[in-house]
Amino acid sequence: MEELKLESEEIAPGKVRLIVTIRERPKVTEFTFSGNKKLSSTTLKEKLDEASVSLKRNVPLRMAEVQKIKKAVEEVYAKEGYASAVIEPVIEEVGTNLRKVTFKVDEGAKIRIGSVRFDGNEVFSDRTLRRALKKVKQKSLWRPWGKKLIWSKDTWGETRRTSRSTT
């Protein structure tokens, strides 16, 4: 229920007419993605299913669910190295009490690690510390590209925890 309004009017002494007006929450007919090039709509839907997040069709539209999906899509892009991706939900009316939800995607650029610099290390050399970074590597002549050059919060956080436990 989107809106509930109660009104009363006196029709005779001691008699009151109660008027109840209910406006239903609009239903979602479909949800789509636009602007996504690096990750297909099918891949995004699969990733959302894996995260147990979905916007079901023919159910009342809830903005909390739309925001939850937006956040989940941003996280999917961040894990793929697109930490600057921007997702904007657009809701359009397609009929009486029917809505279509489109998630407009601006993927941005993939964030790559150019170099890793260590400051203040006295016990271990830069080379030793670089080797301790299991999932993050810097770009070099023999490693011009690769998955370990792509920065993501998950990988960086995991590497930091791993590095601390080995030293």
N, C-alpha and C. Protein backbone atom coordinates (compact mmCIF):
# COMPACT_ATOMS: atom_id res chain seq x y z
N MET A 1 0.85 -1.17 0.00
CA MET A 1 0.00 0.00 0.00
C MET A 1 0.91 1.24 0.00
N GLU A 2 0.67 2.10 -0.95
CA GLU A 2 1.46 3.32 -1.11
C GLU A 2 0.94 4.43 -0.20
N GLU A 3 -0.39 4.55 -0.16
CA GLU A 3 -0.98 5.66 0.60
C GLU A 3 -2.33 5.23 1.17
N LEU A 4 -2.60 5.64 2.39
CA LEU A 4 -3.87 5.38 3.05
C LEU A 4 -4.37 6.70 3.59
N LYS A 5 -5.58 7.05 3.20
CA LYS A 5 -6.15 8.33 3.64
C LYS A 5 -7.54 8.08 4.22
N LEU A 6 -7.76 8.59 5.43
CA LEU A 6 -9.05 8.46 6.09
C LEU A 6 -9.69 9.83 6.24
N GLU A 7 -10.93 9.90 5.84
CA GLU A 7 -11.70 11.14 5.99
C GLU A 7 -13.05 10.80 6.59
N SER A 8 -13.60 11.75 7.32
CA SER A 8 -14.94 11.54 7.86
C SER A 8 -15.76 12.79 7.60
N GLU A 9 -17.05 12.56 7.39
CA GLU A 9 -17.96 13.70 7.22
C GLU A 9 -19.26 13.38 7.95
N GLU A 10 -19.78 14.39 8.58
CA GLU A 10 -21.02 14.20 9.32
C GLU A 10 -22.18 14.30 8.34
N ILE A 11 -23.01 13.26 8.30
CA ILE A 11 -24.13 13.27 7.36
C ILE A 11 -25.45 13.58 8.06
N ALA A 12 -25.48 13.36 9.34
CA ALA A 12 -26.65 13.70 10.15
C ALA A 12 -26.18 13.75 11.60
N PRO A 13 -26.96 14.36 12.48
CA PRO A 13 -26.54 14.38 13.87
C PRO A 13 -26.33 12.96 14.41
N GLY A 14 -25.10 12.71 14.88
CA GLY A 14 -24.77 11.40 15.44
C GLY A 14 -24.40 10.36 14.40
N LYS A 15 -24.44 10.74 13.11
CA LYS A 15 -24.06 9.80 12.06
C LYS A 15 -22.88 10.37 11.27
N VAL A 16 -21.86 9.51 11.06
CA VAL A 16 -20.65 9.93 10.38
C VAL A 16 -20.36 8.95 9.23
N ARG A 17 -20.00 9.51 8.10
CA ARG A 17 -19.59 8.68 6.97
C ARG A 17 -18.06 8.66 6.97
N LEU A 18 -17.50 7.46 6.92
CA LEU A 18 -16.06 7.28 6.90
C LEU A 18 -15.64 6.96 5.46
N ILE A 19 -14.71 7.76 4.92
CA ILE A 19 -14.23 7.57 3.56
C ILE A 19 -12.77 7.11 3.64
N VAL A 20 -12.51 5.93 3.11
CA VAL A 20 -11.17 5.36 3.11
C VAL A 20 -10.67 5.33 1.67
N THR A 21 -9.53 5.99 1.46
CA THR A 21 -8.93 6.02 0.13
C THR A 21 -7.59 5.30 0.21
N ILE A 22 -7.42 4.29 -0.64
CA ILE A 22 -6.19 3.51 -0.65
C ILE A 22 -5.57 3.61 -2.04
N ARG A 23 -4.27 3.91 -2.05
CA ARG A 23 -3.55 3.90 -3.33
C ARG A 23 -2.51 2.79 -3.24
N GLU A 24 -2.64 1.84 -4.15
CA GLU A 24 -1.72 0.71 -4.15
C GLU A 24 -0.33 1.14 -4.60
N ARG A 25 0.67 0.41 -4.11
CA ARG A 25 2.04 0.60 -4.55
C ARG A 25 2.12 0.06 -5.98
N PRO A 26 2.78 0.77 -6.90
CA PRO A 26 2.87 0.27 -8.27
C PRO A 26 3.66 -1.03 -8.34
N LYS A 27 3.33 -1.84 -9.36
CA LYS A 27 4.02 -3.12 -9.54
C LYS A 27 5.13 -2.97 -10.58
N VAL A 28 6.16 -3.77 -10.40
CA VAL A 28 7.30 -3.77 -11.32
C VAL A 28 6.99 -4.75 -12.45
N THR A 29 7.01 -4.26 -13.69
CA THR A 29 6.78 -5.14 -14.82
C THR A 29 8.07 -5.79 -15.30
N GLU A 30 9.17 -5.06 -15.21
CA GLU A 30 10.47 -5.61 -15.60
C GLU A 30 11.58 -4.73 -15.04
N PHE A 31 12.78 -5.31 -15.01
CA PHE A 31 13.94 -4.51 -14.69
C PHE A 31 15.05 -4.87 -15.67
N THR A 32 15.77 -3.82 -16.10
CA THR A 32 16.80 -3.99 -17.12
C THR A 32 18.04 -3.19 -16.73
N PHE A 33 19.10 -3.41 -17.50
CA PHE A 33 20.34 -2.66 -17.35
C PHE A 33 20.63 -1.99 -18.67
N SER A 34 21.16 -0.76 -18.62
CA SER A 34 21.58 -0.08 -19.85
C SER A 34 22.94 0.57 -19.60
N GLY A 35 23.74 0.64 -20.66
CA GLY A 35 25.05 1.25 -20.56
C GLY A 35 26.14 0.28 -20.13
N ASN A 36 25.76 -0.94 -19.80
CA ASN A 36 26.76 -1.93 -19.38
C ASN A 36 27.36 -2.61 -20.60
N LYS A 37 28.68 -2.51 -20.72
CA LYS A 37 29.39 -3.10 -21.85
C LYS A 37 30.33 -4.21 -21.38
N LYS A 38 31.01 -4.01 -20.28
CA LYS A 38 32.00 -4.98 -19.79
C LYS A 38 31.36 -6.19 -19.15
N LEU A 39 30.23 -6.00 -18.51
CA LEU A 39 29.48 -7.10 -17.90
C LEU A 39 28.09 -7.14 -18.52
N SER A 40 27.72 -8.27 -19.09
CA SER A 40 26.42 -8.39 -19.75
C SER A 40 25.29 -8.37 -18.71
N SER A 41 24.10 -8.08 -19.18
CA SER A 41 22.93 -8.08 -18.29
C SER A 41 22.72 -9.46 -17.67
N THR A 42 22.96 -10.50 -18.46
CA THR A 42 22.82 -11.87 -17.95
C THR A 42 23.83 -12.11 -16.82
N THR A 43 25.07 -11.69 -17.01
CA THR A 43 26.09 -11.85 -15.97
C THR A 43 25.70 -11.09 -14.72
N LEU A 44 25.23 -9.86 -14.88
CA LEU A 44 24.82 -9.06 -13.72
C LEU A 44 23.69 -9.75 -12.97
N LYS A 45 22.70 -10.27 -13.70
CA LYS A 45 21.57 -10.95 -13.04
C LYS A 45 22.05 -12.20 -12.31
N GLU A 46 22.99 -12.94 -12.91
CA GLU A 46 23.54 -14.12 -12.25
C GLU A 46 24.27 -13.74 -10.96
N LYS A 47 25.07 -12.66 -11.03
CA LYS A 47 25.81 -12.21 -9.85
C LYS A 47 24.85 -11.75 -8.75
N LEU A 48 23.75 -11.11 -9.14
CA LEU A 48 22.74 -10.69 -8.16
C LEU A 48 22.09 -11.91 -7.52
N ASP A 49 21.80 -12.94 -8.34
CA ASP A 49 21.21 -14.16 -7.80
C ASP A 49 22.15 -14.83 -6.81
N GLU A 50 23.46 -14.85 -7.14
CA GLU A 50 24.46 -15.43 -6.24
C GLU A 50 24.49 -14.69 -4.91
N ALA A 51 24.26 -13.38 -4.96
CA ALA A 51 24.26 -12.56 -3.74
C ALA A 51 22.89 -12.54 -3.07
N SER A 52 21.95 -13.34 -3.60
CA SER A 52 20.56 -13.41 -3.08
C SER A 52 19.87 -12.06 -3.11
N VAL A 53 20.13 -11.32 -4.18
CA VAL A 53 19.49 -10.01 -4.36
C VAL A 53 18.78 -10.04 -5.71
N SER A 54 17.49 -9.76 -5.69
CA SER A 54 16.77 -9.71 -6.97
C SER A 54 15.54 -8.82 -6.84
N LEU A 55 15.13 -8.30 -7.97
CA LEU A 55 13.91 -7.51 -8.04
C LEU A 55 12.92 -8.34 -8.83
N LYS A 56 11.96 -8.87 -8.15
CA LYS A 56 10.99 -9.76 -8.80
C LYS A 56 9.96 -8.96 -9.58
N ARG A 57 9.51 -9.56 -10.66
CA ARG A 57 8.48 -8.93 -11.48
C ARG A 57 7.10 -9.17 -10.88
N ASN A 58 6.20 -8.26 -11.17
CA ASN A 58 4.80 -8.33 -10.73
C ASN A 58 4.64 -8.34 -9.21
N VAL A 59 5.55 -7.63 -8.54
CA VAL A 59 5.44 -7.42 -7.09
C VAL A 59 5.47 -5.92 -6.85
N PRO A 60 4.95 -5.47 -5.72
CA PRO A 60 4.96 -4.03 -5.45
C PRO A 60 6.38 -3.47 -5.42
N LEU A 61 6.53 -2.28 -5.98
CA LEU A 61 7.83 -1.60 -6.03
C LEU A 61 8.17 -1.05 -4.66
N ARG A 62 9.35 -1.42 -4.20
CA ARG A 62 9.86 -0.91 -2.93
C ARG A 62 11.21 -0.26 -3.19
N MET A 63 11.33 0.99 -2.83
CA MET A 63 12.57 1.73 -3.09
C MET A 63 13.75 1.12 -2.32
N ALA A 64 13.50 0.54 -1.17
CA ALA A 64 14.57 -0.10 -0.41
C ALA A 64 15.18 -1.25 -1.23
N GLU A 65 14.35 -2.00 -1.93
CA GLU A 65 14.83 -3.10 -2.77
C GLU A 65 15.63 -2.56 -3.96
N VAL A 66 15.17 -1.47 -4.54
CA VAL A 66 15.88 -0.86 -5.67
C VAL A 66 17.26 -0.40 -5.22
N GLN A 67 17.35 0.22 -4.05
CA GLN A 67 18.64 0.68 -3.53
C GLN A 67 19.55 -0.50 -3.19
N LYS A 68 18.97 -1.58 -2.71
CA LYS A 68 19.74 -2.79 -2.39
C LYS A 68 20.35 -3.37 -3.67
N ILE A 69 19.59 -3.40 -4.75
CA ILE A 69 20.10 -3.90 -6.03
C ILE A 69 21.18 -2.96 -6.57
N LYS A 70 20.95 -1.65 -6.46
CA LYS A 70 21.96 -0.67 -6.90
C LYS A 70 23.29 -0.93 -6.20
N LYS A 71 23.24 -1.08 -4.89
CA LYS A 71 24.46 -1.32 -4.10
C LYS A 71 25.12 -2.64 -4.50
N ALA A 72 24.32 -3.66 -4.73
CA ALA A 72 24.87 -4.97 -5.11
C ALA A 72 25.55 -4.90 -6.48
N VAL A 73 24.97 -4.15 -7.43
CA VAL A 73 25.57 -4.01 -8.76
C VAL A 73 26.88 -3.23 -8.65
N GLU A 74 26.90 -2.20 -7.82
CA GLU A 74 28.15 -1.45 -7.60
C GLU A 74 29.23 -2.36 -7.04
N GLU A 75 28.87 -3.26 -6.13
CA GLU A 75 29.83 -4.20 -5.56
C GLU A 75 30.34 -5.19 -6.59
N VAL A 76 29.46 -5.64 -7.49
CA VAL A 76 29.87 -6.55 -8.56
C VAL A 76 30.92 -5.86 -9.44
N TYR A 77 30.66 -4.62 -9.82
CA TYR A 77 31.60 -3.88 -10.65
C TYR A 77 32.92 -3.64 -9.90
N ALA A 78 32.83 -3.32 -8.61
CA ALA A 78 34.05 -3.07 -7.82
C ALA A 78 34.92 -4.33 -7.77
N LYS A 79 34.31 -5.50 -7.63
CA LYS A 79 35.06 -6.75 -7.58
C LYS A 79 35.74 -7.04 -8.92
N GLU A 80 35.17 -6.53 -10.00
CA GLU A 80 35.75 -6.72 -11.33
C GLU A 80 36.79 -5.65 -11.67
N GLY A 81 37.06 -4.74 -10.73
CA GLY A 81 38.07 -3.71 -10.94
C GLY A 81 37.52 -2.37 -11.39
N TYR A 82 36.20 -2.23 -11.42
CA TYR A 82 35.57 -0.97 -11.83
C TYR A 82 35.03 -0.26 -10.59
N ALA A 83 35.92 0.16 -9.71
CA ALA A 83 35.52 0.77 -8.45
C ALA A 83 34.85 2.13 -8.64
N SER A 84 35.03 2.74 -9.80
CA SER A 84 34.42 4.05 -10.04
C SER A 84 33.09 3.95 -10.79
N ALA A 85 32.56 2.74 -10.95
CA ALA A 85 31.29 2.56 -11.65
C ALA A 85 30.16 3.26 -10.89
N VAL A 86 29.26 3.89 -11.66
CA VAL A 86 28.12 4.59 -11.08
C VAL A 86 26.84 3.94 -11.62
N ILE A 87 25.96 3.55 -10.72
CA ILE A 87 24.70 2.90 -11.09
C ILE A 87 23.57 3.84 -10.67
N GLU A 88 22.69 4.13 -11.61
CA GLU A 88 21.58 5.04 -11.34
C GLU A 88 20.26 4.37 -11.70
N PRO A 89 19.39 4.08 -10.72
CA PRO A 89 18.10 3.47 -11.05
C PRO A 89 17.14 4.52 -11.62
N VAL A 90 16.48 4.16 -12.72
CA VAL A 90 15.49 5.04 -13.34
C VAL A 90 14.17 4.28 -13.38
N ILE A 91 13.15 4.88 -12.82
CA ILE A 91 11.84 4.22 -12.76
C ILE A 91 10.91 4.97 -13.70
N GLU A 92 10.34 4.21 -14.65
CA GLU A 92 9.43 4.86 -15.59
C GLU A 92 8.07 4.17 -15.56
N GLU A 93 7.05 4.97 -15.78
CA GLU A 93 5.69 4.48 -15.78
C GLU A 93 5.40 3.84 -17.13
N VAL A 94 4.90 2.60 -17.13
CA VAL A 94 4.59 1.91 -18.38
C VAL A 94 3.11 1.61 -18.50
N GLY A 95 2.37 1.97 -17.51
CA GLY A 95 0.93 1.75 -17.52
C GLY A 95 0.36 2.18 -16.19
N THR A 96 -0.95 2.02 -16.05
CA THR A 96 -1.59 2.37 -14.80
C THR A 96 -1.06 1.47 -13.70
N ASN A 97 -0.38 2.08 -12.75
CA ASN A 97 0.17 1.39 -11.59
C ASN A 97 1.23 0.34 -11.96
N LEU A 98 1.89 0.53 -13.10
CA LEU A 98 2.95 -0.38 -13.55
C LEU A 98 4.22 0.42 -13.78
N ARG A 99 5.36 -0.13 -13.35
CA ARG A 99 6.64 0.57 -13.49
C ARG A 99 7.70 -0.36 -14.07
N LYS A 100 8.62 0.24 -14.82
CA LYS A 100 9.79 -0.45 -15.35
C LYS A 100 10.99 0.18 -14.67
N VAL A 101 11.89 -0.66 -14.14
CA VAL A 101 13.08 -0.17 -13.46
C VAL A 101 14.28 -0.47 -14.35
N THR A 102 15.00 0.60 -14.73
CA THR A 102 16.21 0.46 -15.53
C THR A 102 17.38 0.96 -14.71
N PHE A 103 18.41 0.13 -14.61
CA PHE A 103 19.62 0.54 -13.90
C PHE A 103 20.61 1.02 -14.95
N LYS A 104 20.80 2.35 -15.00
CA LYS A 104 21.76 2.93 -15.95
C LYS A 104 23.15 2.81 -15.36
N VAL A 105 24.05 2.23 -16.16
CA VAL A 105 25.39 1.91 -15.69
C VAL A 105 26.41 2.78 -16.41
N ASP A 106 27.25 3.46 -15.64
CA ASP A 106 28.43 4.14 -16.17
C ASP A 106 29.61 3.40 -15.56
N GLU A 107 30.22 2.51 -16.36
CA GLU A 107 31.24 1.61 -15.84
C GLU A 107 32.52 2.32 -15.42
N GLY A 108 32.84 3.43 -16.04
CA GLY A 108 34.11 4.08 -15.72
C GLY A 108 35.27 3.24 -16.21
N ALA A 109 36.45 3.56 -15.77
CA ALA A 109 37.64 2.84 -16.20
C ALA A 109 38.05 1.83 -15.13
N LYS A 110 38.70 0.77 -15.59
CA LYS A 110 39.24 -0.23 -14.68
C LYS A 110 40.43 0.39 -13.96
N ILE A 111 40.50 0.20 -12.67
CA ILE A 111 41.59 0.76 -11.89
C ILE A 111 42.71 -0.28 -11.83
N ARG A 112 43.86 0.10 -12.36
CA ARG A 112 45.01 -0.80 -12.40
C ARG A 112 46.11 -0.27 -11.48
N ILE A 113 46.88 -1.17 -10.96
CA ILE A 113 47.97 -0.81 -10.05
C ILE A 113 49.21 -0.55 -10.90
N GLY A 114 49.71 0.67 -10.87
CA GLY A 114 50.91 1.02 -11.62
C GLY A 114 52.16 0.68 -10.85
N SER A 115 52.17 1.02 -9.58
CA SER A 115 53.35 0.69 -8.77
C SER A 115 52.94 0.58 -7.31
N VAL A 116 53.75 -0.15 -6.57
CA VAL A 116 53.56 -0.32 -5.14
C VAL A 116 54.82 0.22 -4.47
N ARG A 117 54.63 1.17 -3.56
CA ARG A 117 55.78 1.80 -2.89
C ARG A 117 55.68 1.55 -1.39
N PHE A 118 56.78 1.25 -0.78
CA PHE A 118 56.84 1.02 0.65
C PHE A 118 57.65 2.15 1.29
N ASP A 119 57.14 2.70 2.37
CA ASP A 119 57.84 3.74 3.11
C ASP A 119 58.09 3.26 4.54
N GLY A 120 59.28 3.51 5.03
CA GLY A 120 59.59 3.24 6.43
C GLY A 120 59.98 1.81 6.73
N ASN A 121 60.10 0.97 5.72
CA ASN A 121 60.51 -0.41 6.00
C ASN A 121 62.01 -0.47 6.24
N GLU A 122 62.39 -1.03 7.37
CA GLU A 122 63.80 -1.15 7.72
C GLU A 122 64.23 -2.60 7.85
N VAL A 123 63.34 -3.46 8.30
CA VAL A 123 63.68 -4.86 8.52
C VAL A 123 63.64 -5.65 7.21
N PHE A 124 62.61 -5.41 6.39
CA PHE A 124 62.44 -6.15 5.14
C PHE A 124 62.69 -5.23 3.96
N SER A 125 63.25 -5.78 2.89
CA SER A 125 63.48 -5.01 1.68
C SER A 125 62.17 -4.84 0.92
N ASP A 126 62.14 -3.86 0.00
CA ASP A 126 60.96 -3.66 -0.85
C ASP A 126 60.63 -4.94 -1.60
N ARG A 127 61.65 -5.62 -2.10
CA ARG A 127 61.46 -6.84 -2.88
C ARG A 127 60.78 -7.93 -2.03
N THR A 128 61.20 -8.10 -0.80
CA THR A 128 60.60 -9.10 0.09
C THR A 128 59.14 -8.77 0.36
N LEU A 129 58.88 -7.51 0.59
CA LEU A 129 57.49 -7.09 0.85
C LEU A 129 56.62 -7.26 -0.39
N ARG A 130 57.16 -6.96 -1.57
CA ARG A 130 56.39 -7.15 -2.81
C ARG A 130 56.03 -8.62 -3.01
N ARG A 131 56.96 -9.51 -2.70
CA ARG A 131 56.70 -10.94 -2.84
C ARG A 131 55.61 -11.40 -1.86
N ALA A 132 55.51 -10.74 -0.72
CA ALA A 132 54.50 -11.11 0.28
C ALA A 132 53.09 -10.74 -0.18
N LEU A 133 52.99 -9.80 -1.10
CA LEU A 133 51.69 -9.42 -1.63
C LEU A 133 51.25 -10.51 -2.62
N LYS A 134 50.39 -11.40 -2.17
CA LYS A 134 50.01 -12.56 -2.97
C LYS A 134 49.07 -12.21 -4.13
N LYS A 135 48.11 -11.34 -3.89
CA LYS A 135 47.09 -11.09 -4.90
C LYS A 135 47.21 -9.74 -5.59
N VAL A 136 48.20 -8.95 -5.21
CA VAL A 136 48.39 -7.63 -5.81
C VAL A 136 49.82 -7.54 -6.32
N LYS A 137 49.96 -7.23 -7.58
CA LYS A 137 51.28 -7.07 -8.18
C LYS A 137 51.32 -5.73 -8.91
N GLN A 138 52.51 -5.19 -9.09
CA GLN A 138 52.63 -3.94 -9.82
C GLN A 138 52.98 -4.23 -11.28
N LYS A 139 52.69 -3.28 -12.13
CA LYS A 139 52.98 -3.40 -13.56
C LYS A 139 54.50 -3.40 -13.76
N SER A 140 54.97 -4.25 -14.67
CA SER A 140 56.40 -4.29 -14.98
C SER A 140 56.57 -4.74 -16.43
N LEU A 141 57.81 -4.82 -16.89
CA LEU A 141 58.06 -5.24 -18.27
C LEU A 141 57.55 -6.65 -18.54
N TRP A 142 57.70 -7.57 -17.58
CA TRP A 142 57.25 -8.94 -17.78
C TRP A 142 55.82 -9.18 -17.30
N ARG A 143 55.20 -8.16 -16.72
CA ARG A 143 53.81 -8.25 -16.29
C ARG A 143 53.07 -6.97 -16.70
N PRO A 144 52.84 -6.78 -18.02
CA PRO A 144 52.19 -5.55 -18.45
C PRO A 144 50.68 -5.54 -18.19
N TRP A 145 50.06 -6.70 -18.00
CA TRP A 145 48.64 -6.77 -17.69
C TRP A 145 48.39 -8.06 -16.92
N GLY A 146 47.21 -8.19 -16.42
CA GLY A 146 46.85 -9.39 -15.68
C GLY A 146 45.91 -9.08 -14.54
N LYS A 147 45.29 -10.11 -14.01
CA LYS A 147 44.29 -9.95 -12.96
C LYS A 147 44.87 -9.38 -11.67
N LYS A 148 46.14 -9.66 -11.38
CA LYS A 148 46.75 -9.17 -10.15
C LYS A 148 47.11 -7.69 -10.23
N LEU A 149 46.98 -7.10 -11.42
CA LEU A 149 47.24 -5.66 -11.58
C LEU A 149 45.98 -4.84 -11.37
N ILE A 150 44.84 -5.50 -11.28
CA ILE A 150 43.55 -4.81 -11.14
C ILE A 150 43.26 -4.60 -9.66
N TRP A 151 43.01 -3.36 -9.29
CA TRP A 151 42.76 -3.04 -7.90
C TRP A 151 41.29 -3.24 -7.57
N SER A 152 41.02 -3.88 -6.44
CA SER A 152 39.67 -3.96 -5.90
C SER A 152 39.79 -3.95 -4.38
N LYS A 153 38.76 -3.48 -3.72
CA LYS A 153 38.79 -3.40 -2.26
C LYS A 153 38.96 -4.79 -1.65
N ASP A 154 38.30 -5.78 -2.22
CA ASP A 154 38.38 -7.14 -1.67
C ASP A 154 39.80 -7.68 -1.75
N THR A 155 40.41 -7.57 -2.93
CA THR A 155 41.75 -8.09 -3.11
C THR A 155 42.74 -7.34 -2.25
N TRP A 156 42.66 -6.03 -2.23
CA TRP A 156 43.61 -5.24 -1.45
C TRP A 156 43.47 -5.54 0.04
N GLY A 157 42.25 -5.64 0.53
CA GLY A 157 42.03 -5.95 1.94
C GLY A 157 42.55 -7.33 2.29
N GLU A 158 42.34 -8.31 1.40
CA GLU A 158 42.81 -9.67 1.63
C GLU A 158 44.33 -9.73 1.63
N THR A 159 44.95 -9.00 0.71
CA THR A 159 46.41 -8.97 0.64
C THR A 159 46.98 -8.34 1.89
N ARG A 160 46.38 -7.26 2.36
CA ARG A 160 46.88 -6.58 3.55
C ARG A 160 46.82 -7.51 4.75
N ARG A 161 45.73 -8.26 4.90
CA ARG A 161 45.62 -9.19 6.04
C ARG A 161 46.65 -10.30 5.92
N THR A 162 46.82 -10.82 4.69
CA THR A 162 47.79 -11.89 4.47
C THR A 162 49.19 -11.38 4.76
N SER A 163 49.53 -10.20 4.30
CA SER A 163 50.86 -9.64 4.50
C SER A 163 51.16 -9.45 5.97
N ARG A 164 50.21 -8.96 6.71
CA ARG A 164 50.45 -8.72 8.13
C ARG A 164 50.70 -10.03 8.88
N SER A 165 50.00 -11.08 8.49
CA SER A 165 50.15 -12.32 9.23
C SER A 165 51.47 -13.02 8.90
N THR A 166 52.08 -12.70 7.75
CA THR A 166 53.34 -13.35 7.39
C THR A 166 54.54 -12.64 7.96
N THR A 167 54.38 -11.38 8.40
CA THR A 167 55.53 -10.63 8.90
C THR A 167 55.63 -10.70 10.39
